[in-house]
Amino acid sequence: MRILGPDISRHFKGKMLNIHPSLLPKYPGLYTHQKVLDNHETHHGTTIHFVTEELDGGPIVYQRSFEVQPNDTPETLFQKVQELEHQMYPQVIQWISDGKILYSDCEEVMPSI
């Protein structure tokens, strides 16, 4: 994990994706699973978005969520998020390869599925 500088972000605008383990715009940055538990959230999930200069702030391509269970821990949330990511990322890559998603189409947040 690295924060890219503004020059790289601008140069590759609309060409880089990031997977973030929260339902952005909630909980950008690190320790998202613990923050979900600390704030007694009822849902958690993951977001795929285009990279911009703003940390975890680029246009959202795809989000999915699940219910947080009373016995969840940061570790169980990590596992659940990773399972979603493994389903979502290939789908988003396929959509982009097929021309179904363009950076310009994602100016507004896409609906959660």
PDB file of N, CA and C in Angstrom:
ATOM      1  N   MET A   1       0.844  -1.178   0.000  1.00  0.00           N
ATOM      2  CA  MET A   1       0.000   0.000   0.000  1.00  0.00           C
ATOM      3  C   MET A   1       0.885   1.236   0.000  1.00  0.00           C
ATOM      4  N   ARG A   2       0.561   2.132  -0.920  1.00  0.00           N
ATOM      5  CA  ARG A   2       1.315   3.375  -1.012  1.00  0.00           C
ATOM      6  C   ARG A   2       0.368   4.500  -1.398  1.00  0.00           C
ATOM      7  N   ILE A   3       0.681   5.672  -0.907  1.00  0.00           N
ATOM      8  CA  ILE A   3      -0.017   6.870  -1.352  1.00  0.00           C
ATOM      9  C   ILE A   3       0.791   7.424  -2.513  1.00  0.00           C
ATOM     10  N   LEU A   4       0.147   7.523  -3.655  1.00  0.00           N
ATOM     11  CA  LEU A   4       0.832   8.008  -4.841  1.00  0.00           C
ATOM     12  C   LEU A   4       0.844   9.531  -4.843  1.00  0.00           C
ATOM     13  N   GLY A   5       1.876  10.079  -5.391  1.00  0.00           N
ATOM     14  CA  GLY A   5       1.976  11.525  -5.480  1.00  0.00           C
ATOM     15  C   GLY A   5       1.010  12.090  -6.505  1.00  0.00           C
ATOM     16  N   PRO A   6       0.776  13.389  -6.437  1.00  0.00           N
ATOM     17  CA  PRO A   6      -0.177  14.016  -7.366  1.00  0.00           C
ATOM     18  C   PRO A   6       0.245  13.914  -8.823  1.00  0.00           C
ATOM     19  N   ASP A   7       1.549  13.919  -9.105  1.00  0.00           N
ATOM     20  CA  ASP A   7       1.997  13.828 -10.499  1.00  0.00           C
ATOM     21  C   ASP A   7       1.589  12.493 -11.115  1.00  0.00           C
ATOM     22  N   ILE A   8       1.791  11.421 -10.387  1.00  0.00           N
ATOM     23  CA  ILE A   8       1.422  10.087 -10.891  1.00  0.00           C
ATOM     24  C   ILE A   8      -0.091   9.990 -11.017  1.00  0.00           C
ATOM     25  N   SER A   9      -0.812  10.462  -9.999  1.00  0.00           N
ATOM     26  CA  SER A   9      -2.273  10.395 -10.030  1.00  0.00           C
ATOM     27  C   SER A   9      -2.840  11.158 -11.221  1.00  0.00           C
ATOM     28  N   ARG A  10      -2.294  12.323 -11.497  1.00  0.00           N
ATOM     29  CA  ARG A  10      -2.769  13.120 -12.638  1.00  0.00           C
ATOM     30  C   ARG A  10      -2.395  12.465 -13.968  1.00  0.00           C
ATOM     31  N   HIS A  11      -1.173  11.955 -14.054  1.00  0.00           N
ATOM     32  CA  HIS A  11      -0.702  11.340 -15.298  1.00  0.00           C
ATOM     33  C   HIS A  11      -1.565  10.135 -15.689  1.00  0.00           C
ATOM     34  N   PHE A  12      -1.964   9.337 -14.704  1.00  0.00           N
ATOM     35  CA  PHE A  12      -2.735   8.118 -14.971  1.00  0.00           C
ATOM     36  C   PHE A  12      -4.210   8.268 -14.614  1.00  0.00           C
ATOM     37  N   LYS A  13      -4.697   9.491 -14.608  1.00  0.00           N
ATOM     38  CA  LYS A  13      -6.101   9.756 -14.260  1.00  0.00           C
ATOM     39  C   LYS A  13      -7.029   8.889 -15.109  1.00  0.00           C
ATOM     40  N   GLY A  14      -7.923   8.198 -14.416  1.00  0.00           N
ATOM     41  CA  GLY A  14      -8.890   7.353 -15.102  1.00  0.00           C
ATOM     42  C   GLY A  14      -8.364   6.005 -15.532  1.00  0.00           C
ATOM     43  N   LYS A  15      -7.122   5.682 -15.159  1.00  0.00           N
ATOM     44  CA  LYS A  15      -6.505   4.420 -15.595  1.00  0.00           C
ATOM     45  C   LYS A  15      -6.076   3.528 -14.434  1.00  0.00           C
ATOM     46  N   MET A  16      -6.231   4.002 -13.204  1.00  0.00           N
ATOM     47  CA  MET A  16      -5.832   3.204 -12.035  1.00  0.00           C
ATOM     48  C   MET A  16      -7.039   2.987 -11.133  1.00  0.00           C
ATOM     49  N   LEU A  17      -7.126   1.774 -10.606  1.00  0.00           N
ATOM     50  CA  LEU A  17      -8.169   1.417  -9.657  1.00  0.00           C
ATOM     51  C   LEU A  17      -7.560   1.127  -8.301  1.00  0.00           C
ATOM     52  N   ASN A  18      -8.369   1.298  -7.278  1.00  0.00           N
ATOM     53  CA  ASN A  18      -7.988   0.921  -5.917  1.00  0.00           C
ATOM     54  C   ASN A  18      -9.148   0.148  -5.308  1.00  0.00           C
ATOM     55  N   ILE A  19      -8.803  -0.871  -4.543  1.00  0.00           N
ATOM     56  CA  ILE A  19      -9.802  -1.576  -3.729  1.00  0.00           C
ATOM     57  C   ILE A  19      -9.598  -1.088  -2.308  1.00  0.00           C
ATOM     58  N   HIS A  20     -10.676  -0.605  -1.701  1.00  0.00           N
ATOM     59  CA  HIS A  20     -10.574  -0.105  -0.331  1.00  0.00           C
ATOM     60  C   HIS A  20     -11.546  -0.879   0.555  1.00  0.00           C
ATOM     61  N   PRO A  21     -11.081  -1.342   1.720  1.00  0.00           N
ATOM     62  CA  PRO A  21     -11.906  -2.178   2.585  1.00  0.00           C
ATOM     63  C   PRO A  21     -12.866  -1.394   3.475  1.00  0.00           C
ATOM     64  N   SER A  22     -13.689  -0.567   2.864  1.00  0.00           N
ATOM     65  CA  SER A  22     -14.798   0.075   3.580  1.00  0.00           C
ATOM     66  C   SER A  22     -15.792   0.561   2.548  1.00  0.00           C
ATOM     67  N   LEU A  23     -16.929   0.997   3.040  1.00  0.00           N
ATOM     68  CA  LEU A  23     -17.943   1.570   2.173  1.00  0.00           C
ATOM     69  C   LEU A  23     -17.691   3.067   2.091  1.00  0.00           C
ATOM     70  N   LEU A  24     -16.764   3.412   1.203  1.00  0.00           N
ATOM     71  CA  LEU A  24     -16.419   4.825   1.050  1.00  0.00           C
ATOM     72  C   LEU A  24     -17.672   5.630   0.722  1.00  0.00           C
ATOM     73  N   PRO A  25     -17.782   6.835   1.206  1.00  0.00           N
ATOM     74  CA  PRO A  25     -16.721   7.658   1.764  1.00  0.00           C
ATOM     75  C   PRO A  25     -16.423   7.415   3.239  1.00  0.00           C
ATOM     76  N   LYS A  26     -17.107   6.463   3.868  1.00  0.00           N
ATOM     77  CA  LYS A  26     -16.801   6.164   5.269  1.00  0.00           C
ATOM     78  C   LYS A  26     -15.445   5.483   5.381  1.00  0.00           C
ATOM     79  N   TYR A  27     -14.683   5.889   6.334  1.00  0.00           N
ATOM     80  CA  TYR A  27     -13.445   5.240   6.749  1.00  0.00           C
ATOM     81  C   TYR A  27     -12.356   5.140   5.681  1.00  0.00           C
ATOM     82  N   PRO A  28     -11.955   6.250   5.118  1.00  0.00           N
ATOM     83  CA  PRO A  28     -10.761   6.207   4.268  1.00  0.00           C
ATOM     84  C   PRO A  28      -9.539   5.917   5.133  1.00  0.00           C
ATOM     85  N   GLY A  29      -8.466   5.513   4.514  1.00  0.00           N
ATOM     86  CA  GLY A  29      -7.245   5.258   5.265  1.00  0.00           C
ATOM     87  C   GLY A  29      -7.206   3.860   5.854  1.00  0.00           C
ATOM     88  N   LEU A  30      -6.481   3.741   6.954  1.00  0.00           N
ATOM     89  CA  LEU A  30      -6.203   2.441   7.565  1.00  0.00           C
ATOM     90  C   LEU A  30      -7.187   2.081   8.674  1.00  0.00           C
ATOM     91  N   TYR A  31      -7.105   0.837   9.124  1.00  0.00           N
ATOM     92  CA  TYR A  31      -7.826   0.305  10.287  1.00  0.00           C
ATOM     93  C   TYR A  31      -9.340   0.362  10.119  1.00  0.00           C
ATOM     94  N   THR A  32      -9.813   0.129   8.917  1.00  0.00           N
ATOM     95  CA  THR A  32     -11.243   0.265   8.637  1.00  0.00           C
ATOM     96  C   THR A  32     -12.087  -0.744   9.408  1.00  0.00           C
ATOM     97  N   HIS A  33     -11.607  -1.966   9.549  1.00  0.00           N
ATOM     98  CA  HIS A  33     -12.404  -2.995  10.220  1.00  0.00           C
ATOM     99  C   HIS A  33     -12.603  -2.641  11.693  1.00  0.00           C
ATOM    100  N   GLN A  34     -11.557  -2.172  12.333  1.00  0.00           N
ATOM    101  CA  GLN A  34     -11.671  -1.774  13.735  1.00  0.00           C
ATOM    102  C   GLN A  34     -12.592  -0.565  13.886  1.00  0.00           C
ATOM    103  N   LYS A  35     -12.511   0.368  12.956  1.00  0.00           N
ATOM    104  CA  LYS A  35     -13.374   1.554  13.009  1.00  0.00           C
ATOM    105  C   LYS A  35     -14.843   1.165  12.884  1.00  0.00           C
ATOM    106  N   VAL A  36     -15.137   0.194  12.025  1.00  0.00           N
ATOM    107  CA  VAL A  36     -16.512  -0.293  11.871  1.00  0.00           C
ATOM    108  C   VAL A  36     -17.017  -0.849  13.191  1.00  0.00           C
ATOM    109  N   LEU A  37     -16.196  -1.646  13.851  1.00  0.00           N
ATOM    110  CA  LEU A  37     -16.599  -2.225  15.134  1.00  0.00           C
ATOM    111  C   LEU A  37     -16.708  -1.155  16.215  1.00  0.00           C
ATOM    112  N   ASP A  38     -15.744  -0.252  16.274  1.00  0.00           N
ATOM    113  CA  ASP A  38     -15.752   0.802  17.294  1.00  0.00           C
ATOM    114  C   ASP A  38     -16.984   1.695  17.176  1.00  0.00           C
ATOM    115  N   ASN A  39     -17.466   1.879  15.951  1.00  0.00           N
ATOM    116  CA  ASN A  39     -18.614   2.757  15.723  1.00  0.00           C
ATOM    117  C   ASN A  39     -19.939   1.999  15.634  1.00  0.00           C
ATOM    118  N   HIS A  40     -19.893   0.709  15.954  1.00  0.00           N
ATOM    119  CA  HIS A  40     -21.107  -0.125  16.011  1.00  0.00           C
ATOM    120  C   HIS A  40     -21.903  -0.072  14.709  1.00  0.00           C
ATOM    121  N   GLU A  41     -21.169  -0.112  13.594  1.00  0.00           N
ATOM    122  CA  GLU A  41     -21.822  -0.114  12.289  1.00  0.00           C
ATOM    123  C   GLU A  41     -22.591  -1.423  12.094  1.00  0.00           C
ATOM    124  N   THR A  42     -23.687  -1.352  11.378  1.00  0.00           N
ATOM    125  CA  THR A  42     -24.477  -2.555  11.105  1.00  0.00           C
ATOM    126  C   THR A  42     -24.063  -3.210   9.789  1.00  0.00           C
ATOM    127  N   HIS A  43     -23.380  -2.447   8.925  1.00  0.00           N
ATOM    128  CA  HIS A  43     -22.938  -2.969   7.632  1.00  0.00           C
ATOM    129  C   HIS A  43     -21.493  -2.568   7.380  1.00  0.00           C
ATOM    130  N   HIS A  44     -20.817  -3.424   6.646  1.00  0.00           N
ATOM    131  CA  HIS A  44     -19.435  -3.177   6.245  1.00  0.00           C
ATOM    132  C   HIS A  44     -19.301  -3.702   4.823  1.00  0.00           C
ATOM    133  N   GLY A  45     -18.212  -3.379   4.169  1.00  0.00           N
ATOM    134  CA  GLY A  45     -18.039  -3.860   2.816  1.00  0.00           C
ATOM    135  C   GLY A  45     -16.781  -3.329   2.196  1.00  0.00           C
ATOM    136  N   THR A  46     -16.792  -3.258   0.891  1.00  0.00           N
ATOM    137  CA  THR A  46     -15.614  -2.842   0.158  1.00  0.00           C
ATOM    138  C   THR A  46     -16.006  -1.988  -1.039  1.00  0.00           C
ATOM    139  N   THR A  47     -15.063  -1.194  -1.475  1.00  0.00           N
ATOM    140  CA  THR A  47     -15.283  -0.253  -2.566  1.00  0.00           C
ATOM    141  C   THR A  47     -14.146  -0.363  -3.572  1.00  0.00           C
ATOM    142  N   ILE A  48     -14.496  -0.369  -4.840  1.00  0.00           N
ATOM    143  CA  ILE A  48     -13.499  -0.228  -5.899  1.00  0.00           C
ATOM    144  C   ILE A  48     -13.731   1.147  -6.502  1.00  0.00           C
ATOM    145  N   HIS A  49     -12.654   1.928  -6.585  1.00  0.00           N
ATOM    146  CA  HIS A  49     -12.779   3.286  -7.101  1.00  0.00           C
ATOM    147  C   HIS A  49     -11.571   3.642  -7.945  1.00  0.00           C
ATOM    148  N   PHE A  50     -11.759   4.646  -8.798  1.00  0.00           N
ATOM    149  CA  PHE A  50     -10.640   5.173  -9.560  1.00  0.00           C
ATOM    150  C   PHE A  50      -9.742   5.974  -8.629  1.00  0.00           C
ATOM    151  N   VAL A  51      -8.446   5.914  -8.871  1.00  0.00           N
ATOM    152  CA  VAL A  51      -7.465   6.635  -8.062  1.00  0.00           C
ATOM    153  C   VAL A  51      -7.419   8.091  -8.519  1.00  0.00           C
ATOM    154  N   THR A  52      -7.454   8.990  -7.544  1.00  0.00           N
ATOM    155  CA  THR A  52      -7.259  10.416  -7.784  1.00  0.00           C
ATOM    156  C   THR A  52      -6.250  10.916  -6.752  1.00  0.00           C
ATOM    157  N   GLU A  53      -6.006  12.190  -6.759  1.00  0.00           N
ATOM    158  CA  GLU A  53      -5.069  12.781  -5.793  1.00  0.00           C
ATOM    159  C   GLU A  53      -5.594  12.687  -4.367  1.00  0.00           C
ATOM    160  N   GLU A  54      -6.894  12.624  -4.211  1.00  0.00           N
ATOM    161  CA  GLU A  54      -7.486  12.555  -2.881  1.00  0.00           C
ATOM    162  C   GLU A  54      -7.422  11.123  -2.359  1.00  0.00           C
ATOM    163  N   LEU A  55      -6.911  10.938  -1.167  1.00  0.00           N
ATOM    164  CA  LEU A  55      -6.800   9.610  -0.562  1.00  0.00           C
ATOM    165  C   LEU A  55      -8.168   8.948  -0.488  1.00  0.00           C
ATOM    166  N   ASP A  56      -8.314   7.819  -1.144  1.00  0.00           N
ATOM    167  CA  ASP A  56      -9.552   7.035  -1.148  1.00  0.00           C
ATOM    168  C   ASP A  56     -10.768   7.875  -1.533  1.00  0.00           C
ATOM    169  N   GLY A  57     -10.547   8.858  -2.419  1.00  0.00           N
ATOM    170  CA  GLY A  57     -11.619   9.771  -2.745  1.00  0.00           C
ATOM    171  C   GLY A  57     -12.035   9.785  -4.198  1.00  0.00           C
ATOM    172  N   GLY A  58     -11.495   8.894  -5.022  1.00  0.00           N
ATOM    173  CA  GLY A  58     -11.833   8.909  -6.440  1.00  0.00           C
ATOM    174  C   GLY A  58     -13.227   8.388  -6.703  1.00  0.00           C
ATOM    175  N   PRO A  59     -13.699   8.570  -7.932  1.00  0.00           N
ATOM    176  CA  PRO A  59     -15.042   8.119  -8.290  1.00  0.00           C
ATOM    177  C   PRO A  59     -15.221   6.618  -8.050  1.00  0.00           C
ATOM    178  N   ILE A  60     -16.331   6.294  -7.424  1.00  0.00           N
ATOM    179  CA  ILE A  60     -16.619   4.907  -7.065  1.00  0.00           C
ATOM    180  C   ILE A  60     -17.163   4.164  -8.274  1.00  0.00           C
ATOM    181  N   VAL A  61     -16.617   2.968  -8.486  1.00  0.00           N
ATOM    182  CA  VAL A  61     -17.042   2.096  -9.568  1.00  0.00           C
ATOM    183  C   VAL A  61     -18.029   1.054  -9.059  1.00  0.00           C
ATOM    184  N   TYR A  62     -17.736   0.478  -7.891  1.00  0.00           N
ATOM    185  CA  TYR A  62     -18.530  -0.656  -7.413  1.00  0.00           C
ATOM    186  C   TYR A  62     -18.362  -0.777  -5.903  1.00  0.00           C
ATOM    187  N   GLN A  63     -19.484  -1.020  -5.219  1.00  0.00           N
ATOM    188  CA  GLN A  63     -19.461  -1.285  -3.775  1.00  0.00           C
ATOM    189  C   GLN A  63     -20.359  -2.477  -3.490  1.00  0.00           C
ATOM    190  N   ARG A  64     -19.958  -3.260  -2.495  1.00  0.00           N
ATOM    191  CA  ARG A  64     -20.810  -4.336  -1.981  1.00  0.00           C
ATOM    192  C   ARG A  64     -20.679  -4.347  -0.476  1.00  0.00           C
ATOM    193  N   SER A  65     -21.751  -4.762   0.174  1.00  0.00           N
ATOM    194  CA  SER A  65     -21.761  -4.744   1.629  1.00  0.00           C
ATOM    195  C   SER A  65     -22.343  -6.033   2.188  1.00  0.00           C
ATOM    196  N   PHE A  66     -22.183  -6.186   3.492  1.00  0.00           N
ATOM    197  CA  PHE A  66     -22.741  -7.311   4.231  1.00  0.00           C
ATOM    198  C   PHE A  66     -23.061  -6.829   5.637  1.00  0.00           C
ATOM    199  N   GLU A  67     -23.885  -7.574   6.345  1.00  0.00           N
ATOM    200  CA  GLU A  67     -24.235  -7.228   7.718  1.00  0.00           C
ATOM    201  C   GLU A  67     -23.112  -7.622   8.670  1.00  0.00           C
ATOM    202  N   VAL A  68     -22.802  -6.728   9.583  1.00  0.00           N
ATOM    203  CA  VAL A  68     -21.835  -7.018  10.635  1.00  0.00           C
ATOM    204  C   VAL A  68     -22.555  -7.850  11.690  1.00  0.00           C
ATOM    205  N   GLN A  69     -21.934  -8.952  12.066  1.00  0.00           N
ATOM    206  CA  GLN A  69     -22.512  -9.847  13.065  1.00  0.00           C
ATOM    207  C   GLN A  69     -21.959  -9.523  14.456  1.00  0.00           C
ATOM    208  N   PRO A  70     -22.717  -9.827  15.512  1.00  0.00           N
ATOM    209  CA  PRO A  70     -22.260  -9.511  16.862  1.00  0.00           C
ATOM    210  C   PRO A  70     -20.907 -10.127  17.235  1.00  0.00           C
ATOM    211  N   ASN A  71     -20.583 -11.263  16.648  1.00  0.00           N
ATOM    212  CA  ASN A  71     -19.331 -11.942  16.991  1.00  0.00           C
ATOM    213  C   ASN A  71     -18.176 -11.580  16.048  1.00  0.00           C
ATOM    214  N   ASP A  72     -18.390 -10.628  15.130  1.00  0.00           N
ATOM    215  CA  ASP A  72     -17.326 -10.254  14.207  1.00  0.00           C
ATOM    216  C   ASP A  72     -16.170  -9.578  14.932  1.00  0.00           C
ATOM    217  N   THR A  73     -14.988  -9.812  14.395  1.00  0.00           N
ATOM    218  CA  THR A  73     -13.746  -9.210  14.874  1.00  0.00           C
ATOM    219  C   THR A  73     -13.085  -8.535  13.672  1.00  0.00           C
ATOM    220  N   PRO A  74     -12.036  -7.760  13.888  1.00  0.00           N
ATOM    221  CA  PRO A  74     -11.332  -7.221  12.724  1.00  0.00           C
ATOM    222  C   PRO A  74     -10.877  -8.317  11.761  1.00  0.00           C
ATOM    223  N   GLU A  75     -10.500  -9.452  12.305  1.00  0.00           N
ATOM    224  CA  GLU A  75     -10.024 -10.554  11.471  1.00  0.00           C
ATOM    225  C   GLU A  75     -11.159 -11.160  10.635  1.00  0.00           C
ATOM    226  N   THR A  76     -12.333 -11.361  11.228  1.00  0.00           N
ATOM    227  CA  THR A  76     -13.442 -11.937  10.463  1.00  0.00           C
ATOM    228  C   THR A  76     -13.947 -10.941   9.420  1.00  0.00           C
ATOM    229  N   LEU A  77     -13.947  -9.660   9.776  1.00  0.00           N
ATOM    230  CA  LEU A  77     -14.349  -8.643   8.801  1.00  0.00           C
ATOM    231  C   LEU A  77     -13.362  -8.604   7.634  1.00  0.00           C
ATOM    232  N   PHE A  78     -12.074  -8.712   7.938  1.00  0.00           N
ATOM    233  CA  PHE A  78     -11.052  -8.754   6.891  1.00  0.00           C
ATOM    234  C   PHE A  78     -11.337  -9.908   5.932  1.00  0.00           C
ATOM    235  N   GLN A  79     -11.623 -11.076   6.470  1.00  0.00           N
ATOM    236  CA  GLN A  79     -11.886 -12.249   5.627  1.00  0.00           C
ATOM    237  C   GLN A  79     -13.117 -12.046   4.755  1.00  0.00           C
ATOM    238  N   LYS A  80     -14.182 -11.500   5.344  1.00  0.00           N
ATOM    239  CA  LYS A  80     -15.414 -11.277   4.582  1.00  0.00           C
ATOM    240  C   LYS A  80     -15.200 -10.248   3.472  1.00  0.00           C
ATOM    241  N   VAL A  81     -14.478  -9.186   3.782  1.00  0.00           N
ATOM    242  CA  VAL A  81     -14.186  -8.160   2.780  1.00  0.00           C
ATOM    243  C   VAL A  81     -13.341  -8.758   1.666  1.00  0.00           C
ATOM    244  N   GLN A  82     -12.349  -9.547   2.014  1.00  0.00           N
ATOM    245  CA  GLN A  82     -11.474 -10.130   1.002  1.00  0.00           C
ATOM    246  C   GLN A  82     -12.251 -11.062   0.066  1.00  0.00           C
ATOM    247  N   GLU A  83     -13.201 -11.802   0.603  1.00  0.00           N
ATOM    248  CA  GLU A  83     -14.038 -12.657  -0.249  1.00  0.00           C
ATOM    249  C   GLU A  83     -14.795 -11.821  -1.270  1.00  0.00           C
ATOM    250  N   LEU A  84     -15.363 -10.694  -0.823  1.00  0.00           N
ATOM    251  CA  LEU A  84     -16.056  -9.806  -1.754  1.00  0.00           C
ATOM    252  C   LEU A  84     -15.100  -9.258  -2.805  1.00  0.00           C
ATOM    253  N   GLU A  85     -13.927  -8.829  -2.365  1.00  0.00           N
ATOM    254  CA  GLU A  85     -12.949  -8.255  -3.287  1.00  0.00           C
ATOM    255  C   GLU A  85     -12.573  -9.243  -4.388  1.00  0.00           C
ATOM    256  N   HIS A  86     -12.437 -10.508  -4.024  1.00  0.00           N
ATOM    257  CA  HIS A  86     -12.054 -11.531  -5.003  1.00  0.00           C
ATOM    258  C   HIS A  86     -13.153 -11.767  -6.032  1.00  0.00           C
ATOM    259  N   GLN A  87     -14.390 -11.466  -5.679  1.00  0.00           N
ATOM    260  CA  GLN A  87     -15.497 -11.555  -6.632  1.00  0.00           C
ATOM    261  C   GLN A  87     -15.601 -10.285  -7.477  1.00  0.00           C
ATOM    262  N   MET A  88     -15.416  -9.144  -6.821  1.00  0.00           N
ATOM    263  CA  MET A  88     -15.674  -7.857  -7.451  1.00  0.00           C
ATOM    264  C   MET A  88     -14.602  -7.428  -8.447  1.00  0.00           C
ATOM    265  N   TYR A  89     -13.347  -7.609  -8.084  1.00  0.00           N
ATOM    266  CA  TYR A  89     -12.269  -7.063  -8.916  1.00  0.00           C
ATOM    267  C   TYR A  89     -12.271  -7.648 -10.328  1.00  0.00           C
ATOM    268  N   PRO A  90     -12.378  -8.972 -10.476  1.00  0.00           N
ATOM    269  CA  PRO A  90     -12.437  -9.508 -11.847  1.00  0.00           C
ATOM    270  C   PRO A  90     -13.640  -8.968 -12.619  1.00  0.00           C
ATOM    271  N   GLN A  91     -14.758  -8.768 -11.922  1.00  0.00           N
ATOM    272  CA  GLN A  91     -15.950  -8.232 -12.590  1.00  0.00           C
ATOM    273  C   GLN A  91     -15.703  -6.818 -13.105  1.00  0.00           C
ATOM    274  N   VAL A  92     -15.097  -5.982 -12.275  1.00  0.00           N
ATOM    275  CA  VAL A  92     -14.814  -4.605 -12.685  1.00  0.00           C
ATOM    276  C   VAL A  92     -13.818  -4.580 -13.847  1.00  0.00           C
ATOM    277  N   ILE A  93     -12.801  -5.412 -13.779  1.00  0.00           N
ATOM    278  CA  ILE A  93     -11.829  -5.478 -14.879  1.00  0.00           C
ATOM    279  C   ILE A  93     -12.536  -5.889 -16.172  1.00  0.00           C
ATOM    280  N   GLN A  94     -13.449  -6.828 -16.080  1.00  0.00           N
ATOM    281  CA  GLN A  94     -14.203  -7.248 -17.268  1.00  0.00           C
ATOM    282  C   GLN A  94     -15.046  -6.097 -17.806  1.00  0.00           C
ATOM    283  N   TRP A  95     -15.744  -5.379 -16.905  1.00  0.00           N
ATOM    284  CA  TRP A  95     -16.559  -4.241 -17.344  1.00  0.00           C
ATOM    285  C   TRP A  95     -15.708  -3.194 -18.055  1.00  0.00           C
ATOM    286  N   ILE A  96     -14.533  -2.903 -17.498  1.00  0.00           N
ATOM    287  CA  ILE A  96     -13.652  -1.916 -18.120  1.00  0.00           C
ATOM    288  C   ILE A  96     -13.141  -2.431 -19.463  1.00  0.00           C
ATOM    289  N   SER A  97     -12.737  -3.700 -19.515  1.00  0.00           N
ATOM    290  CA  SER A  97     -12.249  -4.294 -20.767  1.00  0.00           C
ATOM    291  C   SER A  97     -13.321  -4.271 -21.853  1.00  0.00           C
ATOM    292  N   ASP A  98     -14.570  -4.438 -21.444  1.00  0.00           N
ATOM    293  CA  ASP A  98     -15.687  -4.432 -22.395  1.00  0.00           C
ATOM    294  C   ASP A  98     -16.163  -3.023 -22.730  1.00  0.00           C
ATOM    295  N   GLY A  99     -15.554  -2.015 -22.118  1.00  0.00           N
ATOM    296  CA  GLY A  99     -15.959  -0.634 -22.380  1.00  0.00           C
ATOM    297  C   GLY A  99     -17.242  -0.228 -21.688  1.00  0.00           C
ATOM    298  N   LYS A 100     -17.677  -1.012 -20.700  1.00  0.00           N
ATOM    299  CA  LYS A 100     -18.923  -0.707 -19.992  1.00  0.00           C
ATOM    300  C   LYS A 100     -18.743   0.332 -18.894  1.00  0.00           C
ATOM    301  N   ILE A 101     -17.516   0.535 -18.470  1.00  0.00           N
ATOM    302  CA  ILE A 101     -17.223   1.549 -17.457  1.00  0.00           C
ATOM    303  C   ILE A 101     -16.075   2.407 -17.947  1.00  0.00           C
ATOM    304  N   LEU A 102     -16.297   3.701 -17.905  1.00  0.00           N
ATOM    305  CA  LEU A 102     -15.263   4.679 -18.216  1.00  0.00           C
ATOM    306  C   LEU A 102     -15.146   5.618 -17.026  1.00  0.00           C
ATOM    307  N   TYR A 103     -13.982   6.181 -16.849  1.00  0.00           N
ATOM    308  CA  TYR A 103     -13.780   7.132 -15.763  1.00  0.00           C
ATOM    309  C   TYR A 103     -14.844   8.218 -15.798  1.00  0.00           C
ATOM    310  N   SER A 104     -15.146   8.723 -16.970  1.00  0.00           N
ATOM    311  CA  SER A 104     -16.119   9.809 -17.112  1.00  0.00           C
ATOM    312  C   SER A 104     -17.526   9.390 -16.696  1.00  0.00           C
ATOM    313  N   ASP A 105     -17.809   8.082 -16.711  1.00  0.00           N
ATOM    314  CA  ASP A 105     -19.124   7.585 -16.295  1.00  0.00           C
ATOM    315  C   ASP A 105     -19.278   7.551 -14.780  1.00  0.00           C
ATOM    316  N   CYS A 106     -18.185   7.679 -14.059  1.00  0.00           N
ATOM    317  CA  CYS A 106     -18.191   7.466 -12.617  1.00  0.00           C
ATOM    318  C   CYS A 106     -18.116   8.757 -11.826  1.00  0.00           C
ATOM    319  N   GLU A 107     -18.519   9.859 -12.395  1.00  0.00           N
ATOM    320  CA  GLU A 107     -18.459  11.119 -11.665  1.00  0.00           C
ATOM    321  C   GLU A 107     -19.375  11.074 -10.442  1.00  0.00           C
ATOM    322  N   GLU A 108     -20.470  10.392 -10.529  1.00  0.00           N
ATOM    323  CA  GLU A 108     -21.368  10.218  -9.393  1.00  0.00           C
ATOM    324  C   GLU A 108     -21.113   8.835  -8.799  1.00  0.00           C
ATOM    325  N   VAL A 109     -21.408   8.691  -7.522  1.00  0.00           N
ATOM    326  CA  VAL A 109     -21.235   7.393  -6.863  1.00  0.00           C
ATOM    327  C   VAL A 109     -22.191   6.387  -7.474  1.00  0.00           C
ATOM    328  N   MET A 110     -21.641   5.239  -7.855  1.00  0.00           N
ATOM    329  CA  MET A 110     -22.463   4.169  -8.381  1.00  0.00           C
ATOM    330  C   MET A 110     -23.235   3.538  -7.227  1.00  0.00           C
ATOM    331  N   PRO A 111     -24.404   2.991  -7.459  1.00  0.00           N
ATOM    332  CA  PRO A 111     -25.197   2.394  -6.375  1.00  0.00           C
ATOM    333  C   PRO A 111     -24.523   1.153  -5.806  1.00  0.00           C
ATOM    334  N   SER A 112     -24.716   0.933  -4.516  1.00  0.00           N
ATOM    335  CA  SER A 112     -24.216  -0.288  -3.891  1.00  0.00           C
ATOM    336  C   SER A 112     -25.051  -1.467  -4.359  1.00  0.00           C
ATOM    337  N   ILE A 113     -24.377  -2.596  -4.526  1.00  0.00           N
ATOM    338  CA  ILE A 113     -25.079  -3.811  -4.955  1.00  0.00           C
ATOM    339  C   ILE A 113     -24.860  -4.877  -3.910  1.00  0.00           C
TER     340      ILE A 113
END
